[in-house]
Amino acid sequence: MSWLTRLLISNWTLVLMPIVLLGVWLSGVWVGEGRTQRAWDAERHQVALAQAREEQKSADIKRSQEQINHEISNEFNQRSAQLAAGWKSGDPVRVRSNPADSFEHLSPISASSGAVTKAASDALPSTSRDEERVTCDILAEDAAQTTLMLIELQRWHEWQLQLH
């Protein structure tokens, strides 16, 4: 036998020990890699679920806001038409001061004062209305329209606050 074979047989633990240690190290790496990959996959899945929940919440809020805007727009158009019809017919026009109020608690929009006649008021030219003369009646109608817009804007704001 050669001297190398005799050395290996007499010191077999020196040869076997590195092989066993290498096997243990490789199995540890393999098991650790698998656990790390599973943990990584679980974390990515959790992030994807959280992102999907946020997107769904955002879509729900957007859909709710669009619905509220649509309802307010429709109600505003209806009230605006009623307001315009009331002004044209000469009937007293009322605008709610609070959307939660009932119709019994409506405050009337003040009519022109009796102390100033319509003929005595100065009409101002307006280029935005195709050179139509701005009179007190038109200004009063604009004021009522603005009040209605403000009430609807306040109502919309309250609904937005309730969403959050």
Protein backbone atom coordinates (compact mmCIF):
# COMPACT_ATOMS: atom_id res chain seq x y z
CA MET A 1 0.00 0.00 0.00
CA SER A 2 1.02 3.44 -0.52
CA TRP A 3 1.77 5.88 2.20
CA LEU A 4 -1.32 7.96 1.32
CA THR A 5 -3.70 5.03 1.79
CA ARG A 6 -2.10 4.11 5.11
CA LEU A 7 -2.43 7.75 6.27
CA LEU A 8 -6.11 7.89 5.31
CA ILE A 9 -6.95 4.60 7.02
CA SER A 10 -5.13 5.52 10.20
CA ASN A 11 -6.68 9.02 10.32
CA TRP A 12 -10.14 8.31 8.91
CA THR A 13 -11.75 10.84 11.28
CA LEU A 14 -9.71 13.62 9.73
CA VAL A 15 -11.07 12.72 6.30
CA LEU A 16 -14.65 11.95 7.30
CA MET A 17 -15.13 15.01 9.54
CA PRO A 18 -14.86 17.65 6.74
CA ILE A 19 -17.24 15.61 4.56
CA VAL A 20 -19.82 15.40 7.36
CA LEU A 21 -19.42 19.10 8.18
CA LEU A 22 -19.85 20.00 4.52
CA GLY A 23 -23.06 17.91 4.36
CA VAL A 24 -24.47 19.52 7.51
CA TRP A 25 -23.61 22.99 6.21
CA LEU A 26 -25.25 22.31 2.79
CA SER A 27 -28.42 20.92 4.39
CA GLY A 28 -28.61 23.98 6.67
CA VAL A 29 -28.26 26.29 3.70
CA TRP A 30 -30.95 24.36 1.82
CA VAL A 31 -33.42 24.40 4.77
CA GLY A 32 -32.70 28.07 5.56
CA GLU A 33 -33.16 29.07 1.94
CA GLY A 34 -36.54 27.33 1.83
CA ARG A 35 -37.72 29.06 5.00
CA THR A 36 -36.49 32.41 3.78
CA GLN A 37 -38.25 31.94 0.42
CA ARG A 38 -41.53 30.98 2.15
CA ALA A 39 -41.29 34.00 4.45
CA TRP A 40 -40.55 36.25 1.48
CA ASP A 41 -43.52 34.85 -0.46
CA ALA A 42 -45.82 35.31 2.55
CA GLU A 43 -44.69 38.91 2.97
CA ARG A 44 -45.23 39.68 -0.72
CA HIS A 45 -48.70 38.13 -0.45
CA GLN A 46 -49.52 40.30 2.59
CA VAL A 47 -48.31 43.43 0.79
CA ALA A 48 -50.40 42.55 -2.27
CA LEU A 49 -53.49 42.03 -0.07
CA ALA A 50 -52.93 45.34 1.73
CA GLN A 51 -52.52 47.13 -1.58
CA ALA A 52 -55.69 45.53 -2.96
CA ARG A 53 -57.60 46.60 0.18
CA GLU A 54 -56.35 50.19 -0.19
CA GLU A 55 -57.30 50.27 -3.87
CA GLN A 56 -60.76 48.91 -3.05
CA LYS A 57 -61.20 51.47 -0.28
CA SER A 58 -60.09 54.26 -2.61
CA ALA A 59 -62.51 53.05 -5.30
CA ASP A 60 -65.35 52.86 -2.77
CA ILE A 61 -64.67 56.39 -1.54
CA LYS A 62 -64.48 57.70 -5.09
CA ARG A 63 -67.73 55.96 -6.04
CA SER A 64 -69.41 57.33 -2.90
CA GLN A 65 -68.19 60.86 -3.63
CA GLU A 66 -69.40 60.62 -7.22
CA GLN A 67 -72.80 59.46 -6.00
CA ILE A 68 -73.00 62.30 -3.48
CA ASN A 69 -71.92 64.82 -6.12
CA HIS A 70 -74.51 63.47 -8.54
CA GLU A 71 -77.28 63.63 -5.92
CA ILE A 72 -76.34 67.15 -4.90
CA SER A 73 -76.10 68.25 -8.52
CA ASN A 74 -79.55 66.84 -9.29
CA GLU A 75 -81.06 68.41 -6.18
CA PHE A 76 -79.35 71.71 -6.94
CA ASN A 77 -80.72 71.71 -10.50
CA GLN A 78 -84.23 70.96 -9.21
CA ARG A 79 -84.08 73.69 -6.57
CA SER A 80 -82.56 76.10 -9.05
CA ALA A 81 -85.43 75.47 -11.44
CA GLN A 82 -87.94 75.96 -8.61
CA LEU A 83 -86.16 79.13 -7.56
CA ALA A 84 -86.18 80.50 -11.10
CA ALA A 85 -89.85 79.62 -11.51
CA GLY A 86 -90.64 81.35 -8.21
CA TRP A 87 -88.82 84.51 -9.23
CA LYS A 88 -90.50 84.64 -12.63
CA SER A 89 -93.98 84.11 -11.18
CA GLY A 90 -93.47 86.81 -8.54
CA ASP A 91 -94.24 84.43 -5.66
CA PRO A 92 -92.15 84.78 -2.52
CA VAL A 93 -89.12 82.50 -2.78
CA ARG A 94 -87.72 80.62 0.18
CA VAL A 95 -84.37 78.91 0.61
CA ARG A 96 -83.63 76.49 3.42
CA SER A 97 -80.93 77.72 5.78
CA ASN A 98 -80.04 74.18 6.87
CA PRO A 99 -80.69 71.02 4.82
CA ALA A 100 -81.88 69.22 7.97
CA ASP A 101 -84.60 71.82 8.60
CA SER A 102 -88.15 71.02 7.74
CA PHE A 103 -90.16 73.11 5.31
CA GLU A 104 -91.91 74.89 8.21
CA HIS A 105 -88.66 76.58 9.24
CA LEU A 106 -87.78 78.09 5.88
CA SER A 107 -86.53 81.62 5.92
CA PRO A 108 -87.85 83.89 3.17
CA ILE A 109 -85.52 85.83 0.94
CA SER A 110 -86.20 89.48 1.53
CA ALA A 111 -87.97 91.31 -1.24
CA SER A 112 -87.03 94.77 -2.45
CA SER A 113 -87.45 97.45 0.13
CA GLY A 114 -90.52 99.63 -0.26
CA ALA A 115 -88.43 102.74 0.39
CA VAL A 116 -86.57 102.41 -2.90
CA THR A 117 -88.54 102.20 -6.09
CA LYS A 118 -87.34 100.04 -8.92
CA ALA A 119 -87.20 103.00 -11.26
CA ALA A 120 -84.96 104.92 -8.85
CA SER A 121 -82.29 102.23 -8.77
CA ASP A 122 -79.46 102.58 -11.25
CA ALA A 123 -79.18 99.78 -13.78
CA LEU A 124 -75.58 98.78 -14.50
CA PRO A 125 -74.47 97.48 -17.89
CA SER A 126 -73.00 94.00 -17.82
CA THR A 127 -70.91 92.58 -20.64
CA SER A 128 -71.17 89.07 -19.22
CA ARG A 129 -74.91 89.03 -19.86
CA ASP A 130 -74.79 90.19 -23.46
CA GLU A 131 -75.28 93.85 -22.62
CA GLU A 132 -78.40 93.05 -20.58
CA ARG A 133 -79.16 95.64 -17.92
CA VAL A 134 -78.53 94.43 -14.38
CA THR A 135 -81.46 95.37 -12.18
CA CYS A 136 -82.30 94.78 -8.56
CA ASP A 137 -84.49 91.83 -9.55
CA ILE A 138 -81.58 90.16 -11.35
CA LEU A 139 -79.25 90.88 -8.43
CA ALA A 140 -81.81 89.45 -6.00
CA GLU A 141 -82.14 86.34 -8.17
CA ASP A 142 -78.34 86.01 -8.26
CA ALA A 143 -78.17 86.38 -4.48
CA ALA A 144 -80.79 83.66 -4.03
CA GLN A 145 -78.91 81.42 -6.46
CA THR A 146 -75.64 82.03 -4.59
CA THR A 147 -77.33 81.25 -1.27
CA LEU A 148 -78.62 77.99 -2.68
CA MET A 149 -75.15 77.13 -3.97
CA LEU A 150 -73.62 77.86 -0.57
CA ILE A 151 -76.16 75.64 1.20
CA GLU A 152 -75.48 72.79 -1.19
CA LEU A 153 -71.73 73.26 -0.79
CA GLN A 154 -72.08 73.09 3.00
CA ARG A 155 -74.18 69.96 2.69
CA TRP A 156 -71.62 68.37 0.39
CA HIS A 157 -68.85 69.23 2.84
CA GLU A 158 -70.77 67.61 5.71
CA TRP A 159 -71.22 64.43 3.65
CA GLN A 160 -67.51 64.38 2.85
CA LEU A 161 -66.67 64.68 6.53
CA GLN A 162 -69.00 61.78 7.33
CA LEU A 163 -67.13 59.58 4.84
CA HIS A 164 -63.85 59.99 6.63
